[in-house]
C-alpha atoms as a PDB file:
ATOM      1  CA  UNK A   1      -9.908  -4.470 -28.370  1.00  0.00           C
ATOM      2  CA  UNK A   2      -8.991  -6.174 -25.138  1.00  0.00           C
ATOM      3  CA  UNK A   3      -8.322  -4.194 -21.959  1.00  0.00           C
ATOM      4  CA  UNK A   4      -4.676  -4.729 -20.972  1.00  0.00           C
ATOM      5  CA  UNK A   5      -4.981  -3.249 -17.496  1.00  0.00           C
ATOM      6  CA  UNK A   6      -3.106  -5.537 -15.091  1.00  0.00           C
ATOM      7  CA  UNK A   7      -5.169  -8.025 -13.124  1.00  0.00           C
ATOM      8  CA  UNK A   8      -4.096  -8.626  -9.543  1.00  0.00           C
ATOM      9  CA  UNK A   9      -4.854 -12.176  -8.374  1.00  0.00           C
ATOM     10  CA  UNK A  10      -4.400 -13.356  -4.813  1.00  0.00           C
ATOM     11  CA  UNK A  11      -0.926 -12.690  -3.493  1.00  0.00           C
ATOM     12  CA  UNK A  12       1.427 -14.942  -1.581  1.00  0.00           C
ATOM     13  CA  UNK A  13       2.732 -11.956   0.455  1.00  0.00           C
ATOM     14  CA  UNK A  14       6.215 -12.545  -0.950  1.00  0.00           C
ATOM     15  CA  UNK A  15       5.521 -11.337  -4.479  1.00  0.00           C
ATOM     16  CA  UNK A  16       3.579  -8.685  -6.330  1.00  0.00           C
ATOM     17  CA  UNK A  17       1.593 -10.409  -9.083  1.00  0.00           C
ATOM     18  CA  UNK A  18       0.350  -9.185 -12.456  1.00  0.00           C
ATOM     19  CA  UNK A  19      -1.320 -11.090 -15.283  1.00  0.00           C
ATOM     20  CA  UNK A  20      -1.995 -10.024 -18.865  1.00  0.00           C
ATOM     21  CA  UNK A  21      -3.434 -11.527 -22.015  1.00  0.00           C
ATOM     22  CA  UNK A  22      -1.813 -10.006 -25.084  1.00  0.00           C
ATOM     23  CA  UNK A  23      -4.197  -8.347 -27.522  1.00  0.00           C
ATOM     24  CA  UNK A  24      -4.884 -10.130 -30.815  1.00  0.00           C
ATOM     25  CA  UNK A  25      -3.532  -7.177 -32.774  1.00  0.00           C
ATOM     26  CA  UNK A  26      -0.284  -6.819 -30.830  1.00  0.00           C
ATOM     27  CA  UNK A  27       2.843  -6.597 -33.024  1.00  0.00           C
ATOM     28  CA  UNK A  28       5.972  -8.470 -31.862  1.00  0.00           C
ATOM     29  CA  UNK A  29       7.561  -6.524 -28.986  1.00  0.00           C
ATOM     30  CA  UNK A  30      10.143  -7.347 -26.343  1.00  0.00           C
ATOM     31  CA  UNK A  31       8.381  -8.335 -23.174  1.00  0.00           C
ATOM     32  CA  UNK A  32      10.341  -5.852 -21.043  1.00  0.00           C
ATOM     33  CA  UNK A  33       9.131  -2.995 -23.255  1.00  0.00           C
ATOM     34  CA  UNK A  34       5.616  -4.427 -23.282  1.00  0.00           C
ATOM     35  CA  UNK A  35       5.466  -4.576 -19.481  1.00  0.00           C
ATOM     36  CA  UNK A  36       6.826  -1.044 -19.125  1.00  0.00           C
ATOM     37  CA  UNK A  37       3.844   0.131 -21.172  1.00  0.00           C
ATOM     38  CA  UNK A  38       1.322  -1.527 -18.872  1.00  0.00           C
ATOM     39  CA  UNK A  39       2.749  -1.508 -15.334  1.00  0.00           C
ATOM     40  CA  UNK A  40       2.796   1.916 -13.756  1.00  0.00           C
ATOM     41  CA  UNK A  41       6.158   3.236 -12.473  1.00  0.00           C
ATOM     42  CA  UNK A  42       7.985  -0.003 -13.278  1.00  0.00           C
ATOM     43  CA  UNK A  43      11.673   0.061 -14.224  1.00  0.00           C
ATOM     44  CA  UNK A  44      13.437  -2.067 -16.798  1.00  0.00           C
ATOM     45  CA  UNK A  45      15.950  -3.278 -14.206  1.00  0.00           C
ATOM     46  CA  UNK A  46      13.121  -4.603 -12.021  1.00  0.00           C
ATOM     47  CA  UNK A  47      11.669  -6.445 -15.011  1.00  0.00           C
ATOM     48  CA  UNK A  48      15.080  -7.885 -15.899  1.00  0.00           C
ATOM     49  CA  UNK A  49      15.630  -9.048 -12.319  1.00  0.00           C
ATOM     50  CA  UNK A  50      12.231 -10.743 -12.355  1.00  0.00           C
ATOM     51  CA  UNK A  51      13.137 -12.505 -15.598  1.00  0.00           C
ATOM     52  CA  UNK A  52      16.484 -13.685 -14.176  1.00  0.00           C
ATOM     53  CA  UNK A  53      14.683 -15.230 -11.204  1.00  0.00           C
ATOM     54  CA  UNK A  54      12.131 -16.893 -13.531  1.00  0.00           C
ATOM     55  CA  UNK A  55       9.449 -14.516 -12.327  1.00  0.00           C
ATOM     56  CA  UNK A  56       8.080 -13.813 -15.824  1.00  0.00           C
ATOM     57  CA  UNK A  57       6.053 -16.646 -17.323  1.00  0.00           C
ATOM     58  CA  UNK A  58       4.459 -16.751 -20.755  1.00  0.00           C
ATOM     59  CA  UNK A  59       1.941 -19.544 -21.168  1.00  0.00           C
ATOM     60  CA  UNK A  60       3.301 -21.029 -17.904  1.00  0.00           C
ATOM     61  CA  UNK A  61       6.902 -21.100 -19.183  1.00  0.00           C
ATOM     62  CA  UNK A  62       9.658 -18.802 -17.819  1.00  0.00           C
ATOM     63  CA  UNK A  63      11.038 -16.410 -20.432  1.00  0.00           C
ATOM     64  CA  UNK A  64      13.923 -13.953 -20.680  1.00  0.00           C
ATOM     65  CA  UNK A  65      13.462 -10.196 -20.863  1.00  0.00           C
ATOM     66  CA  UNK A  66      14.138 -10.203 -24.617  1.00  0.00           C
ATOM     67  CA  UNK A  67      11.230 -12.554 -25.368  1.00  0.00           C
ATOM     68  CA  UNK A  68       8.889 -11.037 -27.961  1.00  0.00           C
ATOM     69  CA  UNK A  69       5.236 -11.169 -27.019  1.00  0.00           C
ATOM     70  CA  UNK A  70       2.715 -12.649 -29.430  1.00  0.00           C
ATOM     71  CA  UNK A  71      -1.047 -12.272 -29.764  1.00  0.00           C
ATOM     72  CA  UNK A  72      -3.002 -14.200 -27.108  1.00  0.00           C
ATOM     73  CA  UNK A  73       0.087 -14.851 -24.966  1.00  0.00           C
ATOM     74  CA  UNK A  74      -0.859 -15.244 -21.318  1.00  0.00           C
ATOM     75  CA  UNK A  75       1.716 -13.393 -19.218  1.00  0.00           C
ATOM     76  CA  UNK A  76       2.188 -13.764 -15.479  1.00  0.00           C
ATOM     77  CA  UNK A  77       4.707 -11.557 -13.686  1.00  0.00           C
ATOM     78  CA  UNK A  78       5.927 -11.924 -10.104  1.00  0.00           C
ATOM     79  CA  UNK A  79       8.043  -9.198  -8.518  1.00  0.00           C
ATOM     80  CA  UNK A  80       9.626 -10.124  -5.204  1.00  0.00           C
ATOM     81  CA  UNK A  81       8.634  -7.818  -2.362  1.00  0.00           C
ATOM     82  CA  UNK A  82      11.495  -6.374  -0.330  1.00  0.00           C
ATOM     83  CA  UNK A  83      11.422  -7.499   3.289  1.00  0.00           C
ATOM     84  CA  UNK A  84       9.596  -5.111   5.589  1.00  0.00           C
ATOM     85  CA  UNK A  85      12.747  -4.606   7.660  1.00  0.00           C
ATOM     86  CA  UNK A  86      14.592  -3.473   4.527  1.00  0.00           C
ATOM     87  CA  UNK A  87      11.999  -0.746   3.996  1.00  0.00           C
ATOM     88  CA  UNK A  88      12.463   0.780   7.455  1.00  0.00           C
ATOM     89  CA  UNK A  89      15.239   3.191   6.511  1.00  0.00           C
ATOM     90  CA  UNK A  90      15.434   6.890   7.235  1.00  0.00           C
ATOM     91  CA  UNK A  91      14.690   9.374   4.483  1.00  0.00           C
ATOM     92  CA  UNK A  92      15.161  13.117   4.804  1.00  0.00           C
ATOM     93  CA  UNK A  93      11.844  14.877   4.255  1.00  0.00           C
ATOM     94  CA  UNK A  94      10.021  17.889   5.704  1.00  0.00           C
ATOM     95  CA  UNK A  95       7.828  17.089   8.709  1.00  0.00           C
ATOM     96  CA  UNK A  96       5.171  19.487   9.989  1.00  0.00           C
ATOM     97  CA  UNK A  97       5.410  18.823  13.729  1.00  0.00           C
ATOM     98  CA  UNK A  98       2.768  20.798  15.621  1.00  0.00           C
ATOM     99  CA  UNK A  99       3.590  19.478  19.116  1.00  0.00           C
ATOM    100  CA  UNK A 100       6.471  17.603  20.725  1.00  0.00           C
ATOM    101  CA  UNK A 101       7.642  16.640  24.192  1.00  0.00           C
ATOM    102  CA  UNK A 102       9.944  13.917  25.516  1.00  0.00           C
ATOM    103  CA  UNK A 103       7.232  11.232  25.282  1.00  0.00           C
ATOM    104  CA  UNK A 104       5.367  11.911  22.043  1.00  0.00           C
ATOM    105  CA  UNK A 105       4.868  14.186  19.081  1.00  0.00           C
ATOM    106  CA  UNK A 106       1.978  15.215  16.867  1.00  0.00           C
ATOM    107  CA  UNK A 107       2.668  15.552  13.155  1.00  0.00           C
ATOM    108  CA  UNK A 108       0.413  17.126  10.551  1.00  0.00           C
ATOM    109  CA  UNK A 109       0.297  14.672   7.641  1.00  0.00           C
ATOM    110  CA  UNK A 110      -0.498  16.174   4.243  1.00  0.00           C
ATOM    111  CA  UNK A 111      -2.790  14.465   1.763  1.00  0.00           C
ATOM    112  CA  UNK A 112      -0.894  12.216  -0.633  1.00  0.00           C
ATOM    113  CA  UNK A 113       1.679  11.027   1.916  1.00  0.00           C
ATOM    114  CA  UNK A 114       1.547   7.323   2.815  1.00  0.00           C
ATOM    115  CA  UNK A 115       1.981   6.667   6.534  1.00  0.00           C
ATOM    116  CA  UNK A 116       4.056   3.460   6.423  1.00  0.00           C
ATOM    117  CA  UNK A 117       5.694   1.227   3.789  1.00  0.00           C
ATOM    118  CA  UNK A 118       3.492  -1.418   2.234  1.00  0.00           C
ATOM    119  CA  UNK A 119       2.221  -2.890  -0.994  1.00  0.00           C
ATOM    120  CA  UNK A 120       3.096  -0.491  -3.817  1.00  0.00           C
ATOM    121  CA  UNK A 121       4.630   2.090  -1.458  1.00  0.00           C
ATOM    122  CA  UNK A 122       8.124   0.992  -0.506  1.00  0.00           C
ATOM    123  CA  UNK A 123       9.714   4.357   0.272  1.00  0.00           C
ATOM    124  CA  UNK A 124       8.943   8.017   0.834  1.00  0.00           C
ATOM    125  CA  UNK A 125       6.476   7.319   3.650  1.00  0.00           C
ATOM    126  CA  UNK A 126       5.955   9.241   6.873  1.00  0.00           C
ATOM    127  CA  UNK A 127       7.618   6.428   8.823  1.00  0.00           C
ATOM    128  CA  UNK A 128      10.757   6.812   6.684  1.00  0.00           C
ATOM    129  CA  UNK A 129      10.844  10.512   7.550  1.00  0.00           C
ATOM    130  CA  UNK A 130      10.317   9.866  11.261  1.00  0.00           C
ATOM    131  CA  UNK A 131      13.093   7.255  11.381  1.00  0.00           C
ATOM    132  CA  UNK A 132      15.475   9.764   9.770  1.00  0.00           C
ATOM    133  CA  UNK A 133      14.680  12.453  12.344  1.00  0.00           C
ATOM    134  CA  UNK A 134      14.224  10.446  15.553  1.00  0.00           C
ATOM    135  CA  UNK A 135      16.400   7.683  16.976  1.00  0.00           C
ATOM    136  CA  UNK A 136      15.050   4.522  18.589  1.00  0.00           C
ATOM    137  CA  UNK A 137      11.332   5.019  18.088  1.00  0.00           C
ATOM    138  CA  UNK A 138       9.431   2.210  19.856  1.00  0.00           C
ATOM    139  CA  UNK A 139       7.813  -0.520  17.777  1.00  0.00           C
ATOM    140  CA  UNK A 140       4.150  -1.403  17.979  1.00  0.00           C
ATOM    141  CA  UNK A 141       2.718  -4.889  17.413  1.00  0.00           C
ATOM    142  CA  UNK A 142       2.943  -4.349  13.639  1.00  0.00           C
ATOM    143  CA  UNK A 143       6.627  -3.327  13.726  1.00  0.00           C
ATOM    144  CA  UNK A 144       5.827   0.250  12.687  1.00  0.00           C
ATOM    145  CA  UNK A 145       8.142   2.514  14.703  1.00  0.00           C
ATOM    146  CA  UNK A 146       6.324   5.086  16.810  1.00  0.00           C
ATOM    147  CA  UNK A 147       3.017   4.584  15.065  1.00  0.00           C
ATOM    148  CA  UNK A 148      -0.019   4.604  17.359  1.00  0.00           C
ATOM    149  CA  UNK A 149      -2.674   5.019  14.672  1.00  0.00           C
ATOM    150  CA  UNK A 150      -2.793   5.949  10.994  1.00  0.00           C
ATOM    151  CA  UNK A 151      -4.844   7.790   8.416  1.00  0.00           C
ATOM    152  CA  UNK A 152      -5.245   7.074   4.726  1.00  0.00           C
ATOM    153  CA  UNK A 153      -2.859   8.323   2.066  1.00  0.00           C
ATOM    154  CA  UNK A 154      -5.276  10.859   0.601  1.00  0.00           C
ATOM    155  CA  UNK A 155      -6.444  12.140   3.999  1.00  0.00           C
ATOM    156  CA  UNK A 156      -4.696  15.035   5.711  1.00  0.00           C
ATOM    157  CA  UNK A 157      -4.650  15.360   9.471  1.00  0.00           C
ATOM    158  CA  UNK A 158      -2.862  14.984  12.789  1.00  0.00           C
ATOM    159  CA  UNK A 159      -1.061  11.792  13.782  1.00  0.00           C
ATOM    160  CA  UNK A 160       0.158  10.975  17.279  1.00  0.00           C
ATOM    161  CA  UNK A 161       3.597   9.335  17.350  1.00  0.00           C
ATOM    162  CA  UNK A 162       5.086   7.724  20.460  1.00  0.00           C
ATOM    163  CA  UNK A 163       8.737   8.410  21.276  1.00  0.00           C
ATOM    164  CA  UNK A 164       9.036   6.016  24.239  1.00  0.00           C
ATOM    165  CA  UNK A 165       7.854   2.509  25.066  1.00  0.00           C
ATOM    166  CA  UNK A 166       5.732   3.861  27.926  1.00  0.00           C
ATOM    167  CA  UNK A 167       4.007   6.366  25.650  1.00  0.00           C
ATOM    168  CA  UNK A 168       3.426   3.657  23.049  1.00  0.00           C
ATOM    169  CA  UNK A 169       1.780   1.406  25.632  1.00  0.00           C
ATOM    170  CA  UNK A 170      -0.482   4.098  27.088  1.00  0.00           C
ATOM    171  CA  UNK A 171      -1.469   5.657  23.759  1.00  0.00           C
ATOM    172  CA  UNK A 172      -2.172   2.287  22.127  1.00  0.00           C
ATOM    173  CA  UNK A 173      -4.445   1.392  25.047  1.00  0.00           C
ATOM    174  CA  UNK A 174      -6.319   4.685  24.695  1.00  0.00           C
ATOM    175  CA  UNK A 175      -6.978   4.111  21.013  1.00  0.00           C
ATOM    176  CA  UNK A 176      -7.894   0.469  21.613  1.00  0.00           C
ATOM    177  CA  UNK A 177     -10.375   1.301  24.371  1.00  0.00           C
ATOM    178  CA  UNK A 178     -11.623   4.371  22.491  1.00  0.00           C
ATOM    179  CA  UNK A 179     -10.983   6.714  25.405  1.00  0.00           C
ATOM    180  CA  UNK A 180      -9.389   9.131  22.954  1.00  0.00           C
ATOM    181  CA  UNK A 181     -11.442  10.892  20.313  1.00  0.00           C
ATOM    182  CA  UNK A 182     -10.822  11.454  16.624  1.00  0.00           C
ATOM    183  CA  UNK A 183     -12.728  13.919  14.490  1.00  0.00           C
ATOM    184  CA  UNK A 184     -12.852  13.922  10.694  1.00  0.00           C
ATOM    185  CA  UNK A 185     -13.983  16.704   8.386  1.00  0.00           C
ATOM    186  CA  UNK A 186     -15.243  15.652   4.953  1.00  0.00           C
ATOM    187  CA  UNK A 187     -16.725  17.326   1.910  1.00  0.00           C
ATOM    188  CA  UNK A 188     -19.849  15.655   0.540  1.00  0.00           C
ATOM    189  CA  UNK A 189     -21.970  16.300  -2.511  1.00  0.00           C
ATOM    190  CA  UNK A 190     -25.556  15.563  -3.414  1.00  0.00           C
ATOM    191  CA  UNK A 191     -28.626  15.843  -1.223  1.00  0.00           C
ATOM    192  CA  UNK A 192     -27.941  14.722   2.333  1.00  0.00           C
ATOM    193  CA  UNK A 193     -31.274  13.885   3.935  1.00  0.00           C
ATOM    194  CA  UNK A 194     -30.205  14.029   7.590  1.00  0.00           C
ATOM    195  CA  UNK A 195     -27.931  16.384   9.504  1.00  0.00           C
ATOM    196  CA  UNK A 196     -26.757  13.485  11.672  1.00  0.00           C
ATOM    197  CA  UNK A 197     -26.472   9.740  11.234  1.00  0.00           C
ATOM    198  CA  UNK A 198     -24.402   6.603  11.657  1.00  0.00           C
ATOM    199  CA  UNK A 199     -22.756   4.562   8.920  1.00  0.00           C
ATOM    200  CA  UNK A 200     -22.339   0.945   9.995  1.00  0.00           C
ATOM    201  CA  UNK A 201     -20.282  -1.607   8.121  1.00  0.00           C
ATOM    202  CA  UNK A 202     -17.060  -3.611   8.040  1.00  0.00           C
ATOM    203  CA  UNK A 203     -13.991  -2.217   6.331  1.00  0.00           C
ATOM    204  CA  UNK A 204     -11.890  -4.730   4.417  1.00  0.00           C
ATOM    205  CA  UNK A 205      -9.514  -5.079   1.487  1.00  0.00           C
ATOM    206  CA  UNK A 206     -11.094  -4.354  -1.883  1.00  0.00           C
ATOM    207  CA  UNK A 207     -11.510  -7.701  -3.718  1.00  0.00           C
ATOM    208  CA  UNK A 208     -10.018  -6.394  -6.987  1.00  0.00           C
ATOM    209  CA  UNK A 209      -7.630  -3.628  -5.882  1.00  0.00           C
ATOM    210  CA  UNK A 210      -5.361  -4.390  -2.929  1.00  0.00           C
ATOM    211  CA  UNK A 211      -4.436  -0.727  -2.632  1.00  0.00           C
ATOM    212  CA  UNK A 212      -7.996   0.163  -1.644  1.00  0.00           C
ATOM    213  CA  UNK A 213     -10.404  -0.691   1.151  1.00  0.00           C
ATOM    214  CA  UNK A 214     -14.166  -0.948   0.914  1.00  0.00           C
ATOM    215  CA  UNK A 215     -17.189  -1.361   3.191  1.00  0.00           C
ATOM    216  CA  UNK A 216     -18.729  -4.845   3.455  1.00  0.00           C
ATOM    217  CA  UNK A 217     -21.791  -6.336   5.014  1.00  0.00           C
ATOM    218  CA  UNK A 218     -20.966  -9.296   7.276  1.00  0.00           C
ATOM    219  CA  UNK A 219     -21.610 -11.967   4.611  1.00  0.00           C
ATOM    220  CA  UNK A 220     -19.735 -10.003   1.949  1.00  0.00           C
ATOM    221  CA  UNK A 221     -16.737  -9.609   4.251  1.00  0.00           C
ATOM    222  CA  UNK A 222     -16.589 -13.360   4.882  1.00  0.00           C
ATOM    223  CA  UNK A 223     -16.693 -14.121   1.158  1.00  0.00           C
ATOM    224  CA  UNK A 224     -14.090 -11.467   0.333  1.00  0.00           C
ATOM    225  CA  UNK A 225     -11.631 -12.829   2.888  1.00  0.00           C
ATOM    226  CA  UNK A 226     -11.935 -16.436   1.779  1.00  0.00           C
ATOM    227  CA  UNK A 227      -8.869 -17.808  -0.073  1.00  0.00           C
END
């Protein structure tokens, strides 16, 4: 039986892409129902909108949402990304602020909370909560209000957020020049040979899962970033 997990080819930054090949034993089924079975957290309205904009292709031909899939059909789906500006809206959420003054604040981010909107995470991020609570946060070079640095979704820890342009400039320089320090605590398993050591490598986008990063050697990084 064929694995129907979605494959994510290269993206054009305007759309979220999925491709499927229908299993040989698949009974006739509306394509909107089929896609809801295989794309996590998708809604029927999003599928229908994609179909209306000719974003669902079967064997390279646009189809409507009531098309019935057939064995060996090759399906390609393109969902339009919302613009980044459209994602920067305030959302009421609890924030664990451990320090605040007129220039900056320090927030304790829990594990599981995404720091800023991005691929696959369009709402419910820390940035959405900060925008709701604070007016006129300064933008950094990536248009992420107040954000000086970030930590991964599944990592908990303290984040420094700038409240003024001056604080943003000074804090960004500190992180860039590494005059500030960050400490991480991790749980490891297995037999660790040394009490101290250095892990050297280049962090880049995972070649098969755009929601993950991985460590590359120099040559691997170059190959992974080639179009």
